[in-house]
């Protein structure tokens, strides 16, 4: 079992500039001990031969990300033919910011 103490918690409180009630301190010490105990158990896991992974979805990277490829684009006339309104070769959109009075 972890030997995390209330004294160490007081030091953490000071460093992180938080104030806890006595009940909160007791509960936090208990929770931190559980977390540290779990971390100690993880140290016992045999990871010999396991390839390291920077993130969980590392194996899916090749199927999610693809190389950028250029393709055919629409001419300005074709693009503007789909726009509801245009002026001077640009799409006109409704104003989203009201002018200040």
N, C-alpha and C. Protein backbone atom coordinates (compact mmCIF):
# COMPACT_ATOMS: atom_id res chain seq x y z
N UNK A 1 0.84 -1.19 0.00
CA UNK A 1 0.00 0.00 0.00
C UNK A 1 0.88 1.24 0.00
N UNK A 2 0.41 2.26 -0.65
CA UNK A 2 1.13 3.51 -0.76
C UNK A 2 1.29 4.17 0.61
N UNK A 3 2.40 4.88 0.78
CA UNK A 3 2.63 5.55 2.05
C UNK A 3 2.46 7.05 1.92
N UNK A 4 1.51 7.49 1.09
CA UNK A 4 1.20 8.91 0.94
C UNK A 4 0.59 9.41 2.23
N UNK A 5 1.10 10.50 2.75
CA UNK A 5 0.67 10.96 4.07
C UNK A 5 -0.02 12.33 4.00
N UNK A 6 -0.64 12.68 5.11
CA UNK A 6 -1.28 13.99 5.20
C UNK A 6 -0.24 15.10 5.15
N UNK A 7 0.96 14.82 5.64
CA UNK A 7 2.04 15.80 5.59
C UNK A 7 2.37 16.14 4.14
N UNK A 8 2.45 15.12 3.30
CA UNK A 8 2.72 15.35 1.87
C UNK A 8 1.56 16.10 1.21
N UNK A 9 0.35 15.80 1.66
CA UNK A 9 -0.80 16.51 1.13
C UNK A 9 -0.74 17.99 1.49
N UNK A 10 -0.34 18.29 2.71
CA UNK A 10 -0.21 19.69 3.14
C UNK A 10 0.78 20.42 2.23
N UNK A 11 1.88 19.75 1.89
CA UNK A 11 2.86 20.35 1.01
C UNK A 11 2.27 20.59 -0.38
N UNK A 12 1.50 19.61 -0.88
CA UNK A 12 0.84 19.79 -2.18
C UNK A 12 -0.18 20.92 -2.14
N UNK A 13 -0.92 21.03 -1.05
CA UNK A 13 -1.87 22.13 -0.89
C UNK A 13 -1.16 23.47 -0.98
N UNK A 14 -0.03 23.55 -0.31
CA UNK A 14 0.75 24.79 -0.31
C UNK A 14 1.25 25.12 -1.71
N UNK A 15 1.81 24.11 -2.40
CA UNK A 15 2.34 24.32 -3.74
C UNK A 15 1.25 24.69 -4.75
N UNK A 16 0.09 24.06 -4.62
CA UNK A 16 -0.98 24.31 -5.59
C UNK A 16 -1.91 25.43 -5.15
N UNK A 17 -1.66 25.97 -3.96
CA UNK A 17 -2.44 27.09 -3.43
C UNK A 17 -3.94 26.78 -3.35
N UNK A 18 -4.24 25.63 -2.78
CA UNK A 18 -5.64 25.29 -2.53
C UNK A 18 -5.85 25.11 -1.03
N UNK A 19 -7.04 25.38 -0.60
CA UNK A 19 -7.40 25.20 0.80
C UNK A 19 -8.46 24.11 0.89
N UNK A 20 -8.20 23.10 1.69
CA UNK A 20 -9.13 22.00 1.87
C UNK A 20 -9.57 21.92 3.32
N UNK A 21 -10.79 21.49 3.52
CA UNK A 21 -11.23 21.23 4.89
C UNK A 21 -10.59 19.93 5.35
N UNK A 22 -10.66 19.66 6.63
CA UNK A 22 -10.06 18.43 7.17
C UNK A 22 -10.69 17.19 6.54
N UNK A 23 -12.02 17.21 6.37
CA UNK A 23 -12.71 16.08 5.74
C UNK A 23 -12.26 15.89 4.29
N UNK A 24 -12.10 16.99 3.57
CA UNK A 24 -11.64 16.92 2.19
C UNK A 24 -10.21 16.36 2.12
N UNK A 25 -9.38 16.77 3.08
CA UNK A 25 -8.01 16.26 3.14
C UNK A 25 -7.99 14.76 3.34
N UNK A 26 -8.80 14.28 4.28
CA UNK A 26 -8.83 12.85 4.56
C UNK A 26 -9.28 12.06 3.33
N UNK A 27 -10.32 12.57 2.68
CA UNK A 27 -10.84 11.88 1.50
C UNK A 27 -9.82 11.90 0.36
N UNK A 28 -9.14 13.04 0.19
CA UNK A 28 -8.16 13.16 -0.88
C UNK A 28 -6.96 12.25 -0.64
N UNK A 29 -6.50 12.17 0.60
CA UNK A 29 -5.39 11.27 0.92
C UNK A 29 -5.79 9.84 0.60
N UNK A 30 -7.00 9.46 0.96
CA UNK A 30 -7.48 8.10 0.68
C UNK A 30 -7.52 7.84 -0.83
N UNK A 31 -8.05 8.80 -1.58
CA UNK A 31 -8.14 8.64 -3.04
C UNK A 31 -6.77 8.61 -3.69
N UNK A 32 -5.86 9.46 -3.23
CA UNK A 32 -4.52 9.47 -3.79
C UNK A 32 -3.79 8.16 -3.49
N UNK A 33 -4.00 7.61 -2.32
CA UNK A 33 -3.40 6.31 -1.99
C UNK A 33 -3.91 5.23 -2.94
N UNK A 34 -5.21 5.24 -3.24
CA UNK A 34 -5.77 4.26 -4.18
C UNK A 34 -5.15 4.42 -5.57
N UNK A 35 -4.99 5.67 -6.00
CA UNK A 35 -4.41 5.93 -7.32
C UNK A 35 -2.97 5.44 -7.37
N UNK A 36 -2.20 5.75 -6.33
CA UNK A 36 -0.80 5.34 -6.29
C UNK A 36 -0.68 3.82 -6.20
N UNK A 37 -1.58 3.18 -5.45
CA UNK A 37 -1.58 1.71 -5.38
C UNK A 37 -1.83 1.10 -6.74
N UNK A 38 -2.77 1.69 -7.48
CA UNK A 38 -3.07 1.20 -8.82
C UNK A 38 -1.86 1.37 -9.74
N UNK A 39 -1.18 2.52 -9.62
CA UNK A 39 0.01 2.75 -10.44
C UNK A 39 1.10 1.74 -10.10
N UNK A 40 1.22 1.38 -8.83
CA UNK A 40 2.19 0.37 -8.44
C UNK A 40 1.85 -0.99 -9.05
N UNK A 41 0.57 -1.33 -9.10
CA UNK A 41 0.16 -2.59 -9.72
C UNK A 41 0.50 -2.60 -11.21
N UNK A 42 0.35 -1.45 -11.86
CA UNK A 42 0.67 -1.37 -13.28
C UNK A 42 2.15 -1.62 -13.54
N UNK A 43 2.99 -1.28 -12.56
CA UNK A 43 4.43 -1.52 -12.70
C UNK A 43 4.75 -3.02 -12.76
N UNK A 44 3.85 -3.85 -12.25
CA UNK A 44 4.07 -5.30 -12.22
C UNK A 44 3.73 -5.97 -13.56
N UNK A 45 3.06 -5.25 -14.44
CA UNK A 45 2.65 -5.82 -15.73
C UNK A 45 3.88 -6.06 -16.60
N UNK A 46 3.97 -7.26 -17.18
CA UNK A 46 5.09 -7.60 -18.06
C UNK A 46 4.85 -6.97 -19.43
N UNK A 47 5.71 -6.04 -19.79
CA UNK A 47 5.57 -5.36 -21.09
C UNK A 47 6.73 -5.70 -22.02
N UNK A 48 7.42 -6.77 -21.73
CA UNK A 48 8.54 -7.21 -22.56
C UNK A 48 8.02 -7.52 -23.97
N UNK A 49 8.62 -6.90 -24.96
CA UNK A 49 8.25 -7.15 -26.34
C UNK A 49 7.04 -6.36 -26.84
N UNK A 50 6.46 -5.52 -25.99
CA UNK A 50 5.32 -4.72 -26.42
C UNK A 50 5.84 -3.44 -27.07
N UNK A 51 5.35 -3.16 -28.26
CA UNK A 51 5.78 -1.97 -28.98
C UNK A 51 5.16 -0.75 -28.33
N UNK A 52 5.96 0.29 -28.12
CA UNK A 52 5.42 1.50 -27.49
C UNK A 52 4.46 2.21 -28.43
N UNK A 53 3.55 2.95 -27.85
CA UNK A 53 2.49 3.62 -28.62
C UNK A 53 2.35 5.05 -28.10
N UNK A 54 2.40 6.00 -29.00
CA UNK A 54 2.27 7.40 -28.59
C UNK A 54 0.84 7.78 -28.26
N UNK A 55 -0.11 7.12 -28.88
CA UNK A 55 -1.51 7.39 -28.62
C UNK A 55 -2.33 6.16 -28.97
N UNK A 56 -3.53 6.11 -28.48
CA UNK A 56 -4.35 4.90 -28.56
C UNK A 56 -4.66 4.49 -29.99
N UNK A 57 -4.90 5.43 -30.87
CA UNK A 57 -5.33 5.10 -32.23
C UNK A 57 -4.17 5.04 -33.22
N UNK A 58 -2.96 4.77 -32.74
CA UNK A 58 -1.79 4.76 -33.60
C UNK A 58 -1.95 3.79 -34.77
N UNK A 59 -2.53 2.63 -34.53
CA UNK A 59 -2.69 1.65 -35.60
C UNK A 59 -3.69 2.09 -36.66
N UNK A 60 -4.60 2.99 -36.32
CA UNK A 60 -5.61 3.44 -37.26
C UNK A 60 -5.16 4.63 -38.09
N UNK A 61 -3.98 5.16 -37.81
CA UNK A 61 -3.52 6.37 -38.48
C UNK A 61 -3.52 6.23 -39.98
N UNK A 62 -3.05 5.11 -40.50
CA UNK A 62 -2.96 4.97 -41.95
C UNK A 62 -4.33 4.94 -42.60
N UNK A 63 -5.35 4.46 -41.91
CA UNK A 63 -6.67 4.41 -42.52
C UNK A 63 -7.44 5.71 -42.35
N UNK A 64 -7.02 6.55 -41.41
CA UNK A 64 -7.74 7.79 -41.17
C UNK A 64 -7.13 8.93 -41.96
N UNK A 65 -5.81 9.00 -41.97
CA UNK A 65 -5.13 10.09 -42.66
C UNK A 65 -4.71 9.63 -44.05
N UNK A 66 -4.84 10.49 -44.99
CA UNK A 66 -4.42 10.16 -46.34
C UNK A 66 -3.58 11.31 -46.89
N UNK A 67 -2.88 11.03 -47.93
CA UNK A 67 -2.05 12.06 -48.56
C UNK A 67 -2.95 13.07 -49.27
N UNK A 68 -2.54 14.32 -49.24
CA UNK A 68 -3.28 15.35 -49.97
C UNK A 68 -3.02 15.18 -51.45
N UNK A 69 -4.10 15.18 -52.21
CA UNK A 69 -3.97 15.06 -53.65
C UNK A 69 -4.82 16.14 -54.31
N UNK A 70 -4.25 16.79 -55.31
CA UNK A 70 -5.02 17.80 -56.03
C UNK A 70 -5.90 17.10 -57.05
N UNK A 71 -7.01 17.72 -57.31
CA UNK A 71 -7.93 17.16 -58.28
C UNK A 71 -8.55 18.28 -59.09
N UNK A 72 -9.47 17.93 -59.94
CA UNK A 72 -10.11 18.95 -60.76
C UNK A 72 -10.91 19.92 -59.89
N UNK A 73 -10.89 21.18 -60.25
CA UNK A 73 -11.66 22.20 -59.52
C UNK A 73 -12.69 22.82 -60.46
N UNK A 74 -13.68 23.43 -59.85
CA UNK A 74 -14.70 24.11 -60.64
C UNK A 74 -14.17 25.43 -61.16
N UNK A 75 -14.64 25.80 -62.33
CA UNK A 75 -14.31 27.14 -62.81
C UNK A 75 -15.12 28.15 -61.99
N UNK A 76 -14.70 29.40 -62.01
CA UNK A 76 -15.41 30.44 -61.24
C UNK A 76 -16.88 30.50 -61.66
N UNK A 77 -17.14 30.38 -62.94
CA UNK A 77 -18.52 30.47 -63.43
C UNK A 77 -19.36 29.31 -62.90
N UNK A 78 -18.80 28.09 -62.92
CA UNK A 78 -19.53 26.94 -62.40
C UNK A 78 -19.79 27.09 -60.90
N UNK A 79 -18.78 27.56 -60.19
CA UNK A 79 -18.92 27.75 -58.74
C UNK A 79 -20.00 28.78 -58.44
N UNK A 80 -19.94 29.93 -59.11
CA UNK A 80 -20.91 31.00 -58.84
C UNK A 80 -22.32 30.63 -59.32
N UNK A 81 -22.44 29.70 -60.26
CA UNK A 81 -23.77 29.30 -60.71
C UNK A 81 -24.54 28.59 -59.60
N UNK A 82 -23.84 28.03 -58.60
CA UNK A 82 -24.49 27.36 -57.48
C UNK A 82 -24.74 28.29 -56.30
N UNK A 83 -24.16 29.48 -56.33
CA UNK A 83 -24.32 30.42 -55.21
C UNK A 83 -25.66 31.14 -55.33
N UNK A 84 -26.36 31.34 -54.21
CA UNK A 84 -27.64 32.03 -54.28
C UNK A 84 -27.50 33.49 -54.69
N UNK A 85 -26.38 34.13 -54.36
CA UNK A 85 -26.18 35.52 -54.74
C UNK A 85 -24.68 35.77 -54.85
N UNK A 86 -24.27 36.55 -55.85
CA UNK A 86 -22.85 36.87 -56.01
C UNK A 86 -22.70 38.25 -56.59
N UNK A 87 -21.54 38.87 -56.26
CA UNK A 87 -21.24 40.21 -56.74
C UNK A 87 -19.76 40.26 -57.10
N UNK A 88 -19.43 40.71 -58.28
CA UNK A 88 -18.04 40.89 -58.68
C UNK A 88 -17.21 39.63 -58.58
N UNK A 89 -17.78 38.47 -58.88
CA UNK A 89 -17.03 37.22 -58.84
C UNK A 89 -16.87 36.63 -57.45
N UNK A 90 -17.59 37.19 -56.47
CA UNK A 90 -17.53 36.69 -55.10
C UNK A 90 -18.93 36.34 -54.62
N UNK A 91 -19.01 35.37 -53.72
CA UNK A 91 -20.29 34.96 -53.16
C UNK A 91 -20.72 35.99 -52.14
N UNK A 92 -21.95 36.44 -52.24
CA UNK A 92 -22.49 37.38 -51.25
C UNK A 92 -23.19 36.57 -50.17
N UNK A 93 -22.84 36.85 -48.93
CA UNK A 93 -23.47 36.18 -47.80
C UNK A 93 -24.17 37.22 -46.94
N UNK A 94 -25.20 36.81 -46.21
CA UNK A 94 -25.89 37.77 -45.33
C UNK A 94 -24.93 38.24 -44.23
N UNK A 95 -25.07 39.49 -43.79
CA UNK A 95 -24.21 39.98 -42.73
C UNK A 95 -24.45 39.19 -41.42
N UNK A 96 -23.38 38.93 -40.72
CA UNK A 96 -23.50 38.20 -39.45
C UNK A 96 -23.21 39.12 -38.26
N UNK A 97 -22.61 40.26 -38.52
CA UNK A 97 -22.32 41.23 -37.46
C UNK A 97 -23.09 42.50 -37.80
N UNK A 98 -23.89 42.94 -36.86
CA UNK A 98 -24.68 44.15 -37.09
C UNK A 98 -23.79 45.37 -36.89
N UNK A 99 -23.93 46.37 -37.75
CA UNK A 99 -23.13 47.58 -37.56
C UNK A 99 -23.50 48.28 -36.25
N UNK A 100 -22.49 48.81 -35.59
CA UNK A 100 -22.76 49.52 -34.33
C UNK A 100 -23.38 50.87 -34.63
N UNK A 101 -24.28 51.28 -33.77
CA UNK A 101 -24.99 52.54 -34.00
C UNK A 101 -24.23 53.71 -33.43
